[in-house]
Amino acid sequence: MESRWSNLKKLEDETFLKIIMGAAPLDTFDTFVSDWKKQGGDKITEEVKEYVK
């Protein structure tokens, strides 16, 4: 998680800001989700689930 989180957070922040400001269409979110998963988002989600148990 530590090695991937900063990149994923930056991707999230930039994408959401662009959508909110109208600089990117709403369907950009779909691309964001795909990129987030490719960059390890699902792995982080699993790590957090295991930690919370």
PDB file of N, CA and C in Angstrom:
ATOM      1  N   MET A   1       0.817  -1.190   0.000  1.00  0.00           N
ATOM      2  CA  MET A   1       0.000   0.000   0.000  1.00  0.00           C
ATOM      3  C   MET A   1       0.864   1.258   0.000  1.00  0.00           C
ATOM      4  N   GLU A   2       1.880   1.264   0.822  1.00  0.00           N
ATOM      5  CA  GLU A   2       2.713   2.453   0.947  1.00  0.00           C
ATOM      6  C   GLU A   2       3.369   2.840  -0.376  1.00  0.00           C
ATOM      7  N   SER A   3       3.748   1.846  -1.152  1.00  0.00           N
ATOM      8  CA  SER A   3       4.450   2.140  -2.401  1.00  0.00           C
ATOM      9  C   SER A   3       3.515   2.652  -3.496  1.00  0.00           C
ATOM     10  N   ARG A   4       2.240   2.367  -3.398  1.00  0.00           N
ATOM     11  CA  ARG A   4       1.299   2.735  -4.457  1.00  0.00           C
ATOM     12  C   ARG A   4       0.390   3.904  -4.086  1.00  0.00           C
ATOM     13  N   TRP A   5       0.159   4.112  -2.788  1.00  0.00           N
ATOM     14  CA  TRP A   5      -0.868   5.033  -2.354  1.00  0.00           C
ATOM     15  C   TRP A   5      -0.673   6.454  -2.868  1.00  0.00           C
ATOM     16  N   SER A   6       0.521   6.991  -2.819  1.00  0.00           N
ATOM     17  CA  SER A   6       0.717   8.392  -3.217  1.00  0.00           C
ATOM     18  C   SER A   6       0.349   8.609  -4.685  1.00  0.00           C
ATOM     19  N   ASN A   7       0.709   7.674  -5.549  1.00  0.00           N
ATOM     20  CA  ASN A   7       0.350   7.808  -6.970  1.00  0.00           C
ATOM     21  C   ASN A   7      -1.152   7.699  -7.180  1.00  0.00           C
ATOM     22  N   LEU A   8      -1.785   6.766  -6.481  1.00  0.00           N
ATOM     23  CA  LEU A   8      -3.227   6.594  -6.627  1.00  0.00           C
ATOM     24  C   LEU A   8      -3.983   7.802  -6.081  1.00  0.00           C
ATOM     25  N   LYS A   9      -3.526   8.343  -4.968  1.00  0.00           N
ATOM     26  CA  LYS A   9      -4.172   9.526  -4.379  1.00  0.00           C
ATOM     27  C   LYS A   9      -4.041  10.725  -5.313  1.00  0.00           C
ATOM     28  N   LYS A  10      -2.881  10.883  -5.915  1.00  0.00           N
ATOM     29  CA  LYS A  10      -2.674  11.984  -6.863  1.00  0.00           C
ATOM     30  C   LYS A  10      -3.600  11.824  -8.075  1.00  0.00           C
ATOM     31  N   LEU A  11      -3.698  10.615  -8.602  1.00  0.00           N
ATOM     32  CA  LEU A  11      -4.593  10.335  -9.723  1.00  0.00           C
ATOM     33  C   LEU A  11      -6.032  10.671  -9.347  1.00  0.00           C
ATOM     34  N   GLU A  12      -6.439  10.251  -8.162  1.00  0.00           N
ATOM     35  CA  GLU A  12      -7.793  10.523  -7.678  1.00  0.00           C
ATOM     36  C   GLU A  12      -8.046  12.025  -7.551  1.00  0.00           C
ATOM     37  N   ASP A  13      -7.166  12.715  -6.869  1.00  0.00           N
ATOM     38  CA  ASP A  13      -7.335  14.157  -6.659  1.00  0.00           C
ATOM     39  C   ASP A  13      -7.429  14.921  -7.980  1.00  0.00           C
ATOM     40  N   GLU A  14      -6.518  14.629  -8.893  1.00  0.00           N
ATOM     41  CA  GLU A  14      -6.504  15.340 -10.176  1.00  0.00           C
ATOM     42  C   GLU A  14      -7.757  15.043 -10.995  1.00  0.00           C
ATOM     43  N   THR A  15      -8.165  13.786 -11.022  1.00  0.00           N
ATOM     44  CA  THR A  15      -9.342  13.402 -11.809  1.00  0.00           C
ATOM     45  C   THR A  15     -10.594  14.038 -11.238  1.00  0.00           C
ATOM     46  N   PHE A  16     -10.792  13.942  -9.935  1.00  0.00           N
ATOM     47  CA  PHE A  16     -11.992  14.498  -9.322  1.00  0.00           C
ATOM     48  C   PHE A  16     -12.048  16.008  -9.501  1.00  0.00           C
ATOM     49  N   LEU A  17     -10.923  16.675  -9.340  1.00  0.00           N
ATOM     50  CA  LEU A  17     -10.892  18.123  -9.507  1.00  0.00           C
ATOM     51  C   LEU A  17     -11.267  18.521 -10.931  1.00  0.00           C
ATOM     52  N   LYS A  18     -10.731  17.828 -11.909  1.00  0.00           N
ATOM     53  CA  LYS A  18     -11.060  18.125 -13.301  1.00  0.00           C
ATOM     54  C   LYS A  18     -12.552  17.923 -13.576  1.00  0.00           C
ATOM     55  N   ILE A  19     -13.119  16.860 -13.032  1.00  0.00           N
ATOM     56  CA  ILE A  19     -14.546  16.605 -13.236  1.00  0.00           C
ATOM     57  C   ILE A  19     -15.382  17.692 -12.561  1.00  0.00           C
ATOM     58  N   ILE A  20     -15.054  18.015 -11.322  1.00  0.00           N
ATOM     59  CA  ILE A  20     -15.807  19.031 -10.576  1.00  0.00           C
ATOM     60  C   ILE A  20     -15.723  20.392 -11.247  1.00  0.00           C
ATOM     61  N   MET A  21     -14.552  20.735 -11.752  1.00  0.00           N
ATOM     62  CA  MET A  21     -14.360  22.049 -12.377  1.00  0.00           C
ATOM     63  C   MET A  21     -14.895  22.100 -13.808  1.00  0.00           C
ATOM     64  N   GLY A  22     -15.322  20.976 -14.329  1.00  0.00           N
ATOM     65  CA  GLY A  22     -15.865  20.938 -15.678  1.00  0.00           C
ATOM     66  C   GLY A  22     -14.808  20.841 -16.758  1.00  0.00           C
ATOM     67  N   ALA A  23     -13.576  20.578 -16.367  1.00  0.00           N
ATOM     68  CA  ALA A  23     -12.488  20.464 -17.337  1.00  0.00           C
ATOM     69  C   ALA A  23     -12.438  19.078 -17.971  1.00  0.00           C
ATOM     70  N   ALA A  24     -13.207  18.147 -17.408  1.00  0.00           N
ATOM     71  CA  ALA A  24     -13.260  16.787 -17.950  1.00  0.00           C
ATOM     72  C   ALA A  24     -14.704  16.297 -17.840  1.00  0.00           C
ATOM     73  N   PRO A  25     -15.162  15.506 -18.798  1.00  0.00           N
ATOM     74  CA  PRO A  25     -16.534  14.993 -18.743  1.00  0.00           C
ATOM     75  C   PRO A  25     -16.693  13.944 -17.639  1.00  0.00           C
ATOM     76  N   LEU A  26     -17.946  13.694 -17.248  1.00  0.00           N
ATOM     77  CA  LEU A  26     -18.222  12.732 -16.185  1.00  0.00           C
ATOM     78  C   LEU A  26     -17.718  11.328 -16.498  1.00  0.00           C
ATOM     79  N   ASP A  27     -17.720  10.950 -17.771  1.00  0.00           N
ATOM     80  CA  ASP A  27     -17.268   9.601 -18.098  1.00  0.00           C
ATOM     81  C   ASP A  27     -15.770   9.414 -17.898  1.00  0.00           C
ATOM     82  N   THR A  28     -15.075  10.481 -17.560  1.00  0.00           N
ATOM     83  CA  THR A  28     -13.663  10.382 -17.184  1.00  0.00           C
ATOM     84  C   THR A  28     -13.522   9.525 -15.931  1.00  0.00           C
ATOM     85  N   PHE A  29     -14.576   9.496 -15.121  1.00  0.00           N
ATOM     86  CA  PHE A  29     -14.550   8.677 -13.908  1.00  0.00           C
ATOM     87  C   PHE A  29     -14.342   7.200 -14.249  1.00  0.00           C
ATOM     88  N   ASP A  30     -14.967   6.733 -15.319  1.00  0.00           N
ATOM     89  CA  ASP A  30     -14.804   5.335 -15.726  1.00  0.00           C
ATOM     90  C   ASP A  30     -13.348   5.019 -16.064  1.00  0.00           C
ATOM     91  N   THR A  31     -12.704   5.945 -16.751  1.00  0.00           N
ATOM     92  CA  THR A  31     -11.287   5.781 -17.076  1.00  0.00           C
ATOM     93  C   THR A  31     -10.453   5.799 -15.807  1.00  0.00           C
ATOM     94  N   PHE A  32     -10.803   6.697 -14.888  1.00  0.00           N
ATOM     95  CA  PHE A  32     -10.108   6.769 -13.609  1.00  0.00           C
ATOM     96  C   PHE A  32     -10.169   5.428 -12.876  1.00  0.00           C
ATOM     97  N   VAL A  33     -11.354   4.833 -12.797  1.00  0.00           N
ATOM     98  CA  VAL A  33     -11.515   3.557 -12.095  1.00  0.00           C
ATOM     99  C   VAL A  33     -10.641   2.480 -12.738  1.00  0.00           C
ATOM    100  N   SER A  34     -10.639   2.428 -14.039  1.00  0.00           N
ATOM    101  CA  SER A  34      -9.824   1.448 -14.748  1.00  0.00           C
ATOM    102  C   SER A  34      -8.335   1.662 -14.454  1.00  0.00           C
ATOM    103  N   ASP A  35      -7.889   2.906 -14.537  1.00  0.00           N
ATOM    104  CA  ASP A  35      -6.480   3.222 -14.255  1.00  0.00           C
ATOM    105  C   ASP A  35      -6.127   2.926 -12.795  1.00  0.00           C
ATOM    106  N   TRP A  36      -7.034   3.263 -11.894  1.00  0.00           N
ATOM    107  CA  TRP A  36      -6.813   3.048 -10.464  1.00  0.00           C
ATOM    108  C   TRP A  36      -6.605   1.565 -10.180  1.00  0.00           C
ATOM    109  N   LYS A  37      -7.434   0.738 -10.796  1.00  0.00           N
ATOM    110  CA  LYS A  37      -7.308  -0.703 -10.610  1.00  0.00           C
ATOM    111  C   LYS A  37      -6.007  -1.235 -11.213  1.00  0.00           C
ATOM    112  N   LYS A  38      -5.649  -0.747 -12.402  1.00  0.00           N
ATOM    113  CA  LYS A  38      -4.415  -1.195 -13.057  1.00  0.00           C
ATOM    114  C   LYS A  38      -3.175  -0.843 -12.244  1.00  0.00           C
ATOM    115  N   GLN A  39      -3.267   0.264 -11.512  1.00  0.00           N
ATOM    116  CA  GLN A  39      -2.112   0.728 -10.738  1.00  0.00           C
ATOM    117  C   GLN A  39      -2.082   0.176  -9.314  1.00  0.00           C
ATOM    118  N   GLY A  40      -2.953  -0.781  -9.022  1.00  0.00           N
ATOM    119  CA  GLY A  40      -2.882  -1.452  -7.729  1.00  0.00           C
ATOM    120  C   GLY A  40      -3.978  -1.110  -6.743  1.00  0.00           C
ATOM    121  N   GLY A  41      -4.994  -0.435  -7.169  1.00  0.00           N
ATOM    122  CA  GLY A  41      -6.081  -0.061  -6.264  1.00  0.00           C
ATOM    123  C   GLY A  41      -6.781  -1.242  -5.632  1.00  0.00           C
ATOM    124  N   ASP A  42      -7.024  -2.282  -6.402  1.00  0.00           N
ATOM    125  CA  ASP A  42      -7.669  -3.473  -5.848  1.00  0.00           C
ATOM    126  C   ASP A  42      -6.787  -4.140  -4.794  1.00  0.00           C
ATOM    127  N   LYS A  43      -5.494  -4.137  -5.023  1.00  0.00           N
ATOM    128  CA  LYS A  43      -4.550  -4.723  -4.069  1.00  0.00           C
ATOM    129  C   LYS A  43      -4.600  -3.966  -2.744  1.00  0.00           C
ATOM    130  N   ILE A  44      -4.652  -2.654  -2.811  1.00  0.00           N
ATOM    131  CA  ILE A  44      -4.728  -1.836  -1.599  1.00  0.00           C
ATOM    132  C   ILE A  44      -6.042  -2.107  -0.871  1.00  0.00           C
ATOM    133  N   THR A  45      -7.123  -2.215  -1.617  1.00  0.00           N
ATOM    134  CA  THR A  45      -8.425  -2.498  -1.012  1.00  0.00           C
ATOM    135  C   THR A  45      -8.387  -3.814  -0.249  1.00  0.00           C
ATOM    136  N   GLU A  46      -7.768  -4.827  -0.830  1.00  0.00           N
ATOM    137  CA  GLU A  46      -7.649  -6.122  -0.162  1.00  0.00           C
ATOM    138  C   GLU A  46      -6.781  -6.016   1.096  1.00  0.00           C
ATOM    139  N   GLU A  47      -5.697  -5.263   1.019  1.00  0.00           N
ATOM    140  CA  GLU A  47      -4.823  -5.095   2.181  1.00  0.00           C
ATOM    141  C   GLU A  47      -5.572  -4.420   3.325  1.00  0.00           C
ATOM    142  N   VAL A  48      -6.364  -3.423   3.014  1.00  0.00           N
ATOM    143  CA  VAL A  48      -7.131  -2.710   4.035  1.00  0.00           C
ATOM    144  C   VAL A  48      -8.181  -3.635   4.645  1.00  0.00           C
ATOM    145  N   LYS A  49      -8.852  -4.419   3.818  1.00  0.00           N
ATOM    146  CA  LYS A  49      -9.851  -5.369   4.327  1.00  0.00           C
ATOM    147  C   LYS A  49      -9.209  -6.355   5.311  1.00  0.00           C
ATOM    148  N   GLU A  50      -8.032  -6.845   4.965  1.00  0.00           N
ATOM    149  CA  GLU A  50      -7.336  -7.788   5.848  1.00  0.00           C
ATOM    150  C   GLU A  50      -6.916  -7.118   7.156  1.00  0.00           C
ATOM    151  N   TYR A  51      -6.499  -5.888   7.088  1.00  0.00           N
ATOM    152  CA  TYR A  51      -6.048  -5.164   8.263  1.00  0.00           C
ATOM    153  C   TYR A  51      -7.207  -4.883   9.217  1.00  0.00           C
ATOM    154  N   VAL A  52      -8.377  -4.591   8.665  1.00  0.00           N
ATOM    155  CA  VAL A  52      -9.538  -4.223   9.465  1.00  0.00           C
ATOM    156  C   VAL A  52     -10.154  -5.436  10.159  1.00  0.00           C
ATOM    157  N   LYS A  53      -9.983  -6.604   9.618  1.00  0.00           N
ATOM    158  CA  LYS A  53     -10.575  -7.817  10.218  1.00  0.00           C
ATOM    159  C   LYS A  53     -10.171  -8.028  11.610  1.00  0.00           C
TER     160      LYS A  53
END
